[in-house]
Amino acid sequence: MTDLITYSPAAVQHNLALVNYCRISVAALSGCTAGILGLTGIMGFMFYFLAHGFLSLLLLQKAGKSWNKYFIQRSCLMYGGVFGELTTYILFWTFIYGMVHVY
């Protein structure tokens, strides 16, 4: 006999908003880090995907085995928003790179 989990749409939306906030913050922070380190080209993009993957692992570890209590799908923790936060990363990456290495 399996227990059915009922979801509150407001609670699920709030949880997804918190995950999105974490992803945006990590994208900005990793963009600043890549700019300071002077990463260019493919190395900069690899750094973003590495940071995104590390955050995904941290989120999965934090949710634990009871991830289905808080999220409908596990995929939103693993690779949700990969390309959505890429623009934030590029913005911070290029700005900080220009401030540190060009000027």
PDB file of N, CA and C in Angstrom:
ATOM      1  N   MET A   1       0.843  -1.164   0.000  1.00  0.00           N
ATOM      2  CA  MET A   1       0.000   0.000   0.000  1.00  0.00           C
ATOM      3  C   MET A   1       0.899   1.241   0.000  1.00  0.00           C
ATOM      4  N   THR A   2       0.737   2.088  -0.970  1.00  0.00           N
ATOM      5  CA  THR A   2       1.548   3.291  -1.067  1.00  0.00           C
ATOM      6  C   THR A   2       0.734   4.487  -0.599  1.00  0.00           C
ATOM      7  N   ASP A   3       1.411   5.379   0.048  1.00  0.00           N
ATOM      8  CA  ASP A   3       0.763   6.601   0.503  1.00  0.00           C
ATOM      9  C   ASP A   3       0.800   7.622  -0.621  1.00  0.00           C
ATOM     10  N   LEU A   4      -0.351   8.185  -0.913  1.00  0.00           N
ATOM     11  CA  LEU A   4      -0.416   9.236  -1.911  1.00  0.00           C
ATOM     12  C   LEU A   4      -0.029  10.557  -1.266  1.00  0.00           C
ATOM     13  N   ILE A   5       0.775  11.303  -1.962  1.00  0.00           N
ATOM     14  CA  ILE A   5       1.213  12.598  -1.456  1.00  0.00           C
ATOM     15  C   ILE A   5       0.372  13.668  -2.128  1.00  0.00           C
ATOM     16  N   THR A   6      -0.234  14.502  -1.333  1.00  0.00           N
ATOM     17  CA  THR A   6      -0.985  15.628  -1.881  1.00  0.00           C
ATOM     18  C   THR A   6      -0.111  16.867  -1.789  1.00  0.00           C
ATOM     19  N   TYR A   7      -0.110  17.622  -2.854  1.00  0.00           N
ATOM     20  CA  TYR A   7       0.741  18.798  -2.940  1.00  0.00           C
ATOM     21  C   TYR A   7      -0.095  20.059  -2.828  1.00  0.00           C
ATOM     22  N   SER A   8       0.414  21.011  -2.103  1.00  0.00           N
ATOM     23  CA  SER A   8      -0.164  22.346  -2.081  1.00  0.00           C
ATOM     24  C   SER A   8       0.494  23.134  -3.209  1.00  0.00           C
ATOM     25  N   PRO A   9      -0.288  23.636  -4.157  1.00  0.00           N
ATOM     26  CA  PRO A   9       0.328  24.380  -5.268  1.00  0.00           C
ATOM     27  C   PRO A   9       1.138  25.586  -4.794  1.00  0.00           C
ATOM     28  N   ALA A  10       0.670  26.244  -3.756  1.00  0.00           N
ATOM     29  CA  ALA A  10       1.406  27.404  -3.246  1.00  0.00           C
ATOM     30  C   ALA A  10       2.740  26.981  -2.639  1.00  0.00           C
ATOM     31  N   ALA A  11       2.750  25.860  -1.922  1.00  0.00           N
ATOM     32  CA  ALA A  11       3.990  25.386  -1.304  1.00  0.00           C
ATOM     33  C   ALA A  11       4.993  24.931  -2.357  1.00  0.00           C
ATOM     34  N   VAL A  12       4.520  24.223  -3.372  1.00  0.00           N
ATOM     35  CA  VAL A  12       5.416  23.771  -4.445  1.00  0.00           C
ATOM     36  C   VAL A  12       5.977  24.968  -5.198  1.00  0.00           C
ATOM     37  N   GLN A  13       5.134  25.957  -5.465  1.00  0.00           N
ATOM     38  CA  GLN A  13       5.595  27.156  -6.157  1.00  0.00           C
ATOM     39  C   GLN A  13       6.628  27.904  -5.309  1.00  0.00           C
ATOM     40  N   HIS A  14       6.405  27.961  -4.012  1.00  0.00           N
ATOM     41  CA  HIS A  14       7.365  28.612  -3.115  1.00  0.00           C
ATOM     42  C   HIS A  14       8.702  27.862  -3.113  1.00  0.00           C
ATOM     43  N   ASN A  15       8.655  26.549  -3.067  1.00  0.00           N
ATOM     44  CA  ASN A  15       9.884  25.748  -3.091  1.00  0.00           C
ATOM     45  C   ASN A  15      10.653  25.949  -4.392  1.00  0.00           C
ATOM     46  N   LEU A  16       9.935  25.985  -5.509  1.00  0.00           N
ATOM     47  CA  LEU A  16      10.594  26.216  -6.796  1.00  0.00           C
ATOM     48  C   LEU A  16      11.185  27.617  -6.873  1.00  0.00           C
ATOM     49  N   ALA A  17      10.507  28.591  -6.264  1.00  0.00           N
ATOM     50  CA  ALA A  17      11.038  29.955  -6.246  1.00  0.00           C
ATOM     51  C   ALA A  17      12.328  30.022  -5.430  1.00  0.00           C
ATOM     52  N   LEU A  18      12.393  29.281  -4.336  1.00  0.00           N
ATOM     53  CA  LEU A  18      13.622  29.253  -3.535  1.00  0.00           C
ATOM     54  C   LEU A  18      14.776  28.602  -4.290  1.00  0.00           C
ATOM     55  N   VAL A  19      14.482  27.522  -5.004  1.00  0.00           N
ATOM     56  CA  VAL A  19      15.520  26.864  -5.811  1.00  0.00           C
ATOM     57  C   VAL A  19      15.989  27.804  -6.915  1.00  0.00           C
ATOM     58  N   ASN A  20      15.053  28.514  -7.536  1.00  0.00           N
ATOM     59  CA  ASN A  20      15.404  29.467  -8.587  1.00  0.00           C
ATOM     60  C   ASN A  20      16.273  30.594  -8.026  1.00  0.00           C
ATOM     61  N   TYR A  21      15.958  31.067  -6.836  1.00  0.00           N
ATOM     62  CA  TYR A  21      16.768  32.104  -6.192  1.00  0.00           C
ATOM     63  C   TYR A  21      18.195  31.594  -5.945  1.00  0.00           C
ATOM     64  N   CYS A  22      18.317  30.372  -5.490  1.00  0.00           N
ATOM     65  CA  CYS A  22      19.647  29.779  -5.278  1.00  0.00           C
ATOM     66  C   CYS A  22      20.414  29.688  -6.586  1.00  0.00           C
ATOM     67  N   ARG A  23      19.742  29.271  -7.639  1.00  0.00           N
ATOM     68  CA  ARG A  23      20.408  29.128  -8.937  1.00  0.00           C
ATOM     69  C   ARG A  23      20.868  30.475  -9.490  1.00  0.00           C
ATOM     70  N   ILE A  24      20.029  31.501  -9.347  1.00  0.00           N
ATOM     71  CA  ILE A  24      20.407  32.829  -9.827  1.00  0.00           C
ATOM     72  C   ILE A  24      21.585  33.364  -9.019  1.00  0.00           C
ATOM     73  N   SER A  25      21.555  33.161  -7.714  1.00  0.00           N
ATOM     74  CA  SER A  25      22.655  33.630  -6.863  1.00  0.00           C
ATOM     75  C   SER A  25      23.963  32.932  -7.208  1.00  0.00           C
ATOM     76  N   VAL A  26      23.909  31.636  -7.423  1.00  0.00           N
ATOM     77  CA  VAL A  26      25.121  30.892  -7.787  1.00  0.00           C
ATOM     78  C   VAL A  26      25.601  31.295  -9.176  1.00  0.00           C
ATOM     79  N   ALA A  27      24.685  31.573 -10.097  1.00  0.00           N
ATOM     80  CA  ALA A  27      25.087  32.019 -11.433  1.00  0.00           C
ATOM     81  C   ALA A  27      25.815  33.355 -11.349  1.00  0.00           C
ATOM     82  N   ALA A  28      25.306  34.278 -10.542  1.00  0.00           N
ATOM     83  CA  ALA A  28      25.965  35.573 -10.392  1.00  0.00           C
ATOM     84  C   ALA A  28      27.319  35.422  -9.704  1.00  0.00           C
ATOM     85  N   LEU A  29      27.365  34.632  -8.656  1.00  0.00           N
ATOM     86  CA  LEU A  29      28.616  34.433  -7.921  1.00  0.00           C
ATOM     87  C   LEU A  29      29.665  33.713  -8.771  1.00  0.00           C
ATOM     88  N   SER A  30      29.249  32.697  -9.494  1.00  0.00           N
ATOM     89  CA  SER A  30      30.211  31.984 -10.340  1.00  0.00           C
ATOM     90  C   SER A  30      30.631  32.838 -11.533  1.00  0.00           C
ATOM     91  N   GLY A  31      29.748  33.701 -12.019  1.00  0.00           N
ATOM     92  CA  GLY A  31      30.128  34.630 -13.083  1.00  0.00           C
ATOM     93  C   GLY A  31      31.191  35.610 -12.615  1.00  0.00           C
ATOM     94  N   CYS A  32      31.021  36.123 -11.401  1.00  0.00           N
ATOM     95  CA  CYS A  32      32.040  37.010 -10.826  1.00  0.00           C
ATOM     96  C   CYS A  32      33.359  36.270 -10.642  1.00  0.00           C
ATOM     97  N   THR A  33      33.283  35.046 -10.179  1.00  0.00           N
ATOM     98  CA  THR A  33      34.493  34.246  -9.971  1.00  0.00           C
ATOM     99  C   THR A  33      35.209  33.980 -11.292  1.00  0.00           C
ATOM    100  N   ALA A  34      34.443  33.634 -12.320  1.00  0.00           N
ATOM    101  CA  ALA A  34      35.052  33.376 -13.628  1.00  0.00           C
ATOM    102  C   ALA A  34      35.685  34.638 -14.189  1.00  0.00           C
ATOM    103  N   GLY A  35      35.049  35.783 -13.972  1.00  0.00           N
ATOM    104  CA  GLY A  35      35.618  37.041 -14.434  1.00  0.00           C
ATOM    105  C   GLY A  35      36.909  37.387 -13.717  1.00  0.00           C
ATOM    106  N   ILE A  36      36.935  37.182 -12.414  1.00  0.00           N
ATOM    107  CA  ILE A  36      38.141  37.469 -11.635  1.00  0.00           C
ATOM    108  C   ILE A  36      39.274  36.520 -12.020  1.00  0.00           C
ATOM    109  N   LEU A  37      38.934  35.249 -12.242  1.00  0.00           N
ATOM    110  CA  LEU A  37      39.954  34.271 -12.636  1.00  0.00           C
ATOM    111  C   LEU A  37      40.452  34.483 -14.058  1.00  0.00           C
ATOM    112  N   GLY A  38      39.724  35.270 -14.846  1.00  0.00           N
ATOM    113  CA  GLY A  38      40.139  35.539 -16.213  1.00  0.00           C
ATOM    114  C   GLY A  38      39.814  34.426 -17.186  1.00  0.00           C
ATOM    115  N   LEU A  39      38.796  33.644 -16.883  1.00  0.00           N
ATOM    116  CA  LEU A  39      38.412  32.556 -17.784  1.00  0.00           C
ATOM    117  C   LEU A  39      37.793  33.132 -19.048  1.00  0.00           C
ATOM    118  N   THR A  40      38.141  32.559 -20.179  1.00  0.00           N
ATOM    119  CA  THR A  40      37.581  33.001 -21.454  1.00  0.00           C
ATOM    120  C   THR A  40      37.144  31.790 -22.258  1.00  0.00           C
ATOM    121  N   GLY A  41      36.244  32.027 -23.179  1.00  0.00           N
ATOM    122  CA  GLY A  41      35.815  30.995 -24.111  1.00  0.00           C
ATOM    123  C   GLY A  41      35.162  29.798 -23.461  1.00  0.00           C
ATOM    124  N   ILE A  42      35.550  28.641 -23.945  1.00  0.00           N
ATOM    125  CA  ILE A  42      34.917  27.396 -23.511  1.00  0.00           C
ATOM    126  C   ILE A  42      35.194  27.104 -22.038  1.00  0.00           C
ATOM    127  N   MET A  43      36.325  27.559 -21.523  1.00  0.00           N
ATOM    128  CA  MET A  43      36.630  27.343 -20.102  1.00  0.00           C
ATOM    129  C   MET A  43      35.634  28.072 -19.208  1.00  0.00           C
ATOM    130  N   GLY A  44      35.200  29.243 -19.628  1.00  0.00           N
ATOM    131  CA  GLY A  44      34.202  29.978 -18.860  1.00  0.00           C
ATOM    132  C   GLY A  44      32.867  29.268 -18.834  1.00  0.00           C
ATOM    133  N   PHE A  45      32.463  28.719 -19.970  1.00  0.00           N
ATOM    134  CA  PHE A  45      31.200  27.982 -20.017  1.00  0.00           C
ATOM    135  C   PHE A  45      31.296  26.670 -19.243  1.00  0.00           C
ATOM    136  N   MET A  46      32.449  26.027 -19.305  1.00  0.00           N
ATOM    137  CA  MET A  46      32.629  24.803 -18.522  1.00  0.00           C
ATOM    138  C   MET A  46      32.554  25.103 -17.027  1.00  0.00           C
ATOM    139  N   PHE A  47      33.073  26.255 -16.626  1.00  0.00           N
ATOM    140  CA  PHE A  47      33.004  26.653 -15.222  1.00  0.00           C
ATOM    141  C   PHE A  47      31.553  26.845 -14.789  1.00  0.00           C
ATOM    142  N   TYR A  48      30.731  27.432 -15.663  1.00  0.00           N
ATOM    143  CA  TYR A  48      29.314  27.615 -15.331  1.00  0.00           C
ATOM    144  C   TYR A  48      28.621  26.272 -15.139  1.00  0.00           C
ATOM    145  N   PHE A  49      28.822  25.353 -16.073  1.00  0.00           N
ATOM    146  CA  PHE A  49      28.156  24.056 -15.961  1.00  0.00           C
ATOM    147  C   PHE A  49      28.681  23.262 -14.764  1.00  0.00           C
ATOM    148  N   LEU A  50      29.934  23.441 -14.423  1.00  0.00           N
ATOM    149  CA  LEU A  50      30.481  22.812 -13.222  1.00  0.00           C
ATOM    150  C   LEU A  50      29.822  23.383 -11.960  1.00  0.00           C
ATOM    151  N   ALA A  51      29.678  24.697 -11.897  1.00  0.00           N
ATOM    152  CA  ALA A  51      29.031  25.327 -10.742  1.00  0.00           C
ATOM    153  C   ALA A  51      27.562  24.932 -10.656  1.00  0.00           C
ATOM    154  N   HIS A  52      26.895  24.863 -11.801  1.00  0.00           N
ATOM    155  CA  HIS A  52      25.488  24.461 -11.820  1.00  0.00           C
ATOM    156  C   HIS A  52      25.338  23.015 -11.363  1.00  0.00           C
ATOM    157  N   GLY A  53      26.218  22.152 -11.815  1.00  0.00           N
ATOM    158  CA  GLY A  53      26.176  20.754 -11.394  1.00  0.00           C
ATOM    159  C   GLY A  53      26.458  20.589  -9.913  1.00  0.00           C
ATOM    160  N   PHE A  54      27.399  21.369  -9.392  1.00  0.00           N
ATOM    161  CA  PHE A  54      27.708  21.304  -7.964  1.00  0.00           C
ATOM    162  C   PHE A  54      26.512  21.748  -7.132  1.00  0.00           C
ATOM    163  N   LEU A  55      25.843  22.823  -7.560  1.00  0.00           N
ATOM    164  CA  LEU A  55      24.647  23.270  -6.838  1.00  0.00           C
ATOM    165  C   LEU A  55      23.553  22.218  -6.908  1.00  0.00           C
ATOM    166  N   SER A  56      23.397  21.570  -8.043  1.00  0.00           N
ATOM    167  CA  SER A  56      22.389  20.516  -8.168  1.00  0.00           C
ATOM    168  C   SER A  56      22.665  19.378  -7.198  1.00  0.00           C
ATOM    169  N   LEU A  57      23.928  19.000  -7.076  1.00  0.00           N
ATOM    170  CA  LEU A  57      24.282  17.951  -6.116  1.00  0.00           C
ATOM    171  C   LEU A  57      23.986  18.380  -4.684  1.00  0.00           C
ATOM    172  N   LEU A  58      24.270  19.634  -4.362  1.00  0.00           N
ATOM    173  CA  LEU A  58      23.967  20.130  -3.022  1.00  0.00           C
ATOM    174  C   LEU A  58      22.464  20.143  -2.749  1.00  0.00           C
ATOM    175  N   LEU A  59      21.681  20.546  -3.745  1.00  0.00           N
ATOM    176  CA  LEU A  59      20.225  20.568  -3.569  1.00  0.00           C
ATOM    177  C   LEU A  59      19.665  19.161  -3.411  1.00  0.00           C
ATOM    178  N   LEU A  60      20.175  18.222  -4.192  1.00  0.00           N
ATOM    179  CA  LEU A  60      19.726  16.836  -4.057  1.00  0.00           C
ATOM    180  C   LEU A  60      20.103  16.261  -2.700  1.00  0.00           C
ATOM    181  N   GLN A  61      21.282  16.601  -2.224  1.00  0.00           N
ATOM    182  CA  GLN A  61      21.711  16.121  -0.916  1.00  0.00           C
ATOM    183  C   GLN A  61      20.856  16.728   0.186  1.00  0.00           C
ATOM    184  N   LYS A  62      20.515  18.001   0.051  1.00  0.00           N
ATOM    185  CA  LYS A  62      19.693  18.673   1.059  1.00  0.00           C
ATOM    186  C   LYS A  62      18.277  18.106   1.075  1.00  0.00           C
ATOM    187  N   ALA A  63      17.718  17.834  -0.092  1.00  0.00           N
ATOM    188  CA  ALA A  63      16.357  17.282  -0.158  1.00  0.00           C
ATOM    189  C   ALA A  63      16.321  15.850   0.347  1.00  0.00           C
ATOM    190  N   GLY A  64      17.401  15.125   0.146  1.00  0.00           N
ATOM    191  CA  GLY A  64      17.482  13.754   0.635  1.00  0.00           C
ATOM    192  C   GLY A  64      16.538  12.816  -0.089  1.00  0.00           C
ATOM    193  N   LYS A  65      16.190  11.742   0.584  1.00  0.00           N
ATOM    194  CA  LYS A  65      15.313  10.744  -0.026  1.00  0.00           C
ATOM    195  C   LYS A  65      13.857  11.180  -0.034  1.00  0.00           C
ATOM    196  N   SER A  66      13.539  12.209   0.704  1.00  0.00           N
ATOM    197  CA  SER A  66      12.151  12.674   0.753  1.00  0.00           C
ATOM    198  C   SER A  66      11.931  13.883  -0.152  1.00  0.00           C
ATOM    199  N   TRP A  67      12.633  13.924  -1.281  1.00  0.00           N
ATOM    200  CA  TRP A  67      12.485  15.041  -2.204  1.00  0.00           C
ATOM    201  C   TRP A  67      11.062  15.160  -2.721  1.00  0.00           C
ATOM    202  N   ASN A  68      10.345  14.029  -2.804  1.00  0.00           N
ATOM    203  CA  ASN A  68       8.994  14.063  -3.362  1.00  0.00           C
ATOM    204  C   ASN A  68       7.984  14.707  -2.419  1.00  0.00           C
ATOM    205  N   LYS A  69       8.371  15.014  -1.201  1.00  0.00           N
ATOM    206  CA  LYS A  69       7.489  15.767  -0.307  1.00  0.00           C
ATOM    207  C   LYS A  69       7.454  17.244  -0.674  1.00  0.00           C
ATOM    208  N   TYR A  70       8.503  17.718  -1.320  1.00  0.00           N
ATOM    209  CA  TYR A  70       8.653  19.140  -1.580  1.00  0.00           C
ATOM    210  C   TYR A  70       8.549  19.514  -3.052  1.00  0.00           C
ATOM    211  N   PHE A  71       8.823  18.556  -3.942  1.00  0.00           N
ATOM    212  CA  PHE A  71       8.818  18.825  -5.376  1.00  0.00           C
ATOM    213  C   PHE A  71       8.073  17.714  -6.094  1.00  0.00           C
ATOM    214  N   ILE A  72       7.424  18.064  -7.178  1.00  0.00           N
ATOM    215  CA  ILE A  72       6.670  17.077  -7.946  1.00  0.00           C
ATOM    216  C   ILE A  72       7.619  16.205  -8.759  1.00  0.00           C
ATOM    217  N   GLN A  73       8.643  16.825  -9.344  1.00  0.00           N
ATOM    218  CA  GLN A  73       9.616  16.086 -10.149  1.00  0.00           C
ATOM    219  C   GLN A  73      11.019  16.319  -9.601  1.00  0.00           C
ATOM    220  N   ARG A  74      11.823  15.301  -9.682  1.00  0.00           N
ATOM    221  CA  ARG A  74      13.211  15.419  -9.237  1.00  0.00           C
ATOM    222  C   ARG A  74      14.053  16.207 -10.235  1.00  0.00           C
ATOM    223  N   SER A  75      13.608  16.264 -11.465  1.00  0.00           N
ATOM    224  CA  SER A  75      14.381  16.935 -12.505  1.00  0.00           C
ATOM    225  C   SER A  75      14.533  18.430 -12.248  1.00  0.00           C
ATOM    226  N   CYS A  76      13.582  19.037 -11.539  1.00  0.00           N
ATOM    227  CA  CYS A  76      13.715  20.469 -11.259  1.00  0.00           C
ATOM    228  C   CYS A  76      14.886  20.748 -10.323  1.00  0.00           C
ATOM    229  N   LEU A  77      15.294  19.775  -9.551  1.00  0.00           N
ATOM    230  CA  LEU A  77      16.471  19.934  -8.694  1.00  0.00           C
ATOM    231  C   LEU A  77      17.757  19.655  -9.452  1.00  0.00           C
ATOM    232  N   MET A  78      17.691  18.782 -10.435  1.00  0.00           N
ATOM    233  CA  MET A  78      18.906  18.351 -11.117  1.00  0.00           C
ATOM    234  C   MET A  78      19.329  19.305 -12.224  1.00  0.00           C
ATOM    235  N   TYR A  79      18.456  19.550 -13.166  1.00  0.00           N
ATOM    236  CA  TYR A  79      18.870  20.363 -14.300  1.00  0.00           C
ATOM    237  C   TYR A  79      17.852  21.413 -14.686  1.00  0.00           C
ATOM    238  N   GLY A  80      16.998  21.774 -13.772  1.00  0.00           N
ATOM    239  CA  GLY A  80      16.050  22.844 -14.044  1.00  0.00           C
ATOM    240  C   GLY A  80      16.757  24.188 -14.115  1.00  0.00           C
ATOM    241  N   GLY A  81      16.453  24.957 -15.128  1.00  0.00           N
ATOM    242  CA  GLY A  81      17.018  26.295 -15.241  1.00  0.00           C
ATOM    243  C   GLY A  81      18.457  26.367 -15.680  1.00  0.00           C
ATOM    244  N   VAL A  82      18.946  25.354 -16.357  1.00  0.00           N
ATOM    245  CA  VAL A  82      20.351  25.373 -16.799  1.00  0.00           C
ATOM    246  C   VAL A  82      20.606  26.563 -17.713  1.00  0.00           C
ATOM    247  N   PHE A  83      19.731  26.777 -18.663  1.00  0.00           N
ATOM    248  CA  PHE A  83      19.952  27.852 -19.626  1.00  0.00           C
ATOM    249  C   PHE A  83      19.274  29.148 -19.209  1.00  0.00           C
ATOM    250  N   GLY A  84      18.357  29.100 -18.258  1.00  0.00           N
ATOM    251  CA  GLY A  84      17.696  30.310 -17.795  1.00  0.00           C
ATOM    252  C   GLY A  84      18.635  31.244 -17.052  1.00  0.00           C
ATOM    253  N   GLU A  85      19.531  30.688 -16.278  1.00  0.00           N
ATOM    254  CA  GLU A  85      20.469  31.499 -15.518  1.00  0.00           C
ATOM    255  C   GLU A  85      21.769  31.748 -16.276  1.00  0.00           C
ATOM    256  N   LEU A  86      21.885  31.198 -17.458  1.00  0.00           N
ATOM    257  CA  LEU A  86      23.102  31.393 -18.246  1.00  0.00           C
ATOM    258  C   LEU A  86      23.306  32.864 -18.603  1.00  0.00           C
ATOM    259  N   THR A  87      22.221  33.584 -18.861  1.00  0.00           N
ATOM    260  CA  THR A  87      22.354  35.009 -19.184  1.00  0.00           C
ATOM    261  C   THR A  87      22.868  35.802 -17.984  1.00  0.00           C
ATOM    262  N   THR A  88      22.412  35.448 -16.790  1.00  0.00           N
ATOM    263  CA  THR A  88      22.920  36.104 -15.580  1.00  0.00           C
ATOM    264  C   THR A  88      24.409  35.837 -15.425  1.00  0.00           C
ATOM    265  N   TYR A  89      24.803  34.593 -15.653  1.00  0.00           N
ATOM    266  CA  TYR A  89      26.215  34.220 -15.558  1.00  0.00           C
ATOM    267  C   TYR A  89      27.051  35.018 -16.554  1.00  0.00           C
ATOM    268  N   ILE A  90      26.609  35.079 -17.802  1.00  0.00           N
ATOM    269  CA  ILE A  90      27.370  35.787 -18.834  1.00  0.00           C
ATOM    270  C   ILE A  90      27.467  37.273 -18.513  1.00  0.00           C
ATOM    271  N   LEU A  91      26.387  37.853 -17.999  1.00  0.00           N
ATOM    272  CA  LEU A  91      26.398  39.265 -17.634  1.00  0.00           C
ATOM    273  C   LEU A  91      27.466  39.553 -16.579  1.00  0.00           C
ATOM    274  N   PHE A  92      27.472  38.793 -15.500  1.00  0.00           N
ATOM    275  CA  PHE A  92      28.448  39.016 -14.440  1.00  0.00           C
ATOM    276  C   PHE A  92      29.853  38.632 -14.886  1.00  0.00           C
ATOM    277  N   TRP A  93      29.974  37.582 -15.655  1.00  0.00           N
ATOM    278  CA  TRP A  93      31.271  37.120 -16.143  1.00  0.00           C
ATOM    279  C   TRP A  93      31.953  38.199 -16.983  1.00  0.00           C
ATOM    280  N   THR A  94      31.236  38.721 -17.973  1.00  0.00           N
ATOM    281  CA  THR A  94      31.837  39.710 -18.866  1.00  0.00           C
ATOM    282  C   THR A  94      32.080  41.042 -18.162  1.00  0.00           C
ATOM    283  N   PHE A  95      31.172  41.438 -17.281  1.00  0.00           N
ATOM    284  CA  PHE A  95      31.347  42.708 -16.575  1.00  0.00           C
ATOM    285  C   PHE A  95      32.568  42.671 -15.663  1.00  0.00           C
ATOM    286  N   ILE A  96      32.670  41.645 -14.853  1.00  0.00           N
ATOM    287  CA  ILE A  96      33.799  41.555 -13.924  1.00  0.00           C
ATOM    288  C   ILE A  96      35.107  41.322 -14.677  1.00  0.00           C
ATOM    289  N   TYR A  97      35.064  40.523 -15.744  1.00  0.00           N
ATOM    290  CA  TYR A  97      36.273  40.317 -16.552  1.00  0.00           C
ATOM    291  C   TYR A  97      36.758  41.649 -17.119  1.00  0.00           C
ATOM    292  N   GLY A  98      35.826  42.439 -17.628  1.00  0.00           N
ATOM    293  CA  GLY A  98      36.196  43.746 -18.166  1.00  0.00           C
ATOM    294  C   GLY A  98      36.746  44.684 -17.110  1.00  0.00           C
ATOM    295  N   MET A  99      36.157  44.666 -15.929  1.00  0.00           N
ATOM    296  CA  MET A  99      36.617  45.550 -14.859  1.00  0.00           C
ATOM    297  C   MET A  99      37.998  45.147 -14.335  1.00  0.00           C
ATOM    298  N   VAL A 100      38.267  43.863 -14.278  1.00  0.00           N
ATOM    299  CA  VAL A 100      39.529  43.398 -13.692  1.00  0.00           C
ATOM    300  C   VAL A 100      40.652  43.344 -14.724  1.00  0.00           C
ATOM    301  N   HIS A 101      40.376  42.817 -15.897  1.00  0.00           N
ATOM    302  CA  HIS A 101      41.451  42.515 -16.845  1.00  0.00           C
ATOM    303  C   HIS A 101      41.587  43.513 -17.991  1.00  0.00           C
ATOM    304  N   VAL A 102      40.568  44.319 -18.249  1.00  0.00           N
ATOM    305  CA  VAL A 102      40.655  45.250 -19.367  1.00  0.00           C
ATOM    306  C   VAL A 102      41.021  46.645 -18.883  1.00  0.00           C
ATOM    307  N   TYR A 103      40.380  47.099 -17.828  1.00  0.00           N
ATOM    308  CA  TYR A 103      40.603  48.482 -17.374  1.00  0.00           C
ATOM    309  C   TYR A 103      41.702  48.582 -16.382  1.00  0.00           C
TER     310      TYR A 103
END
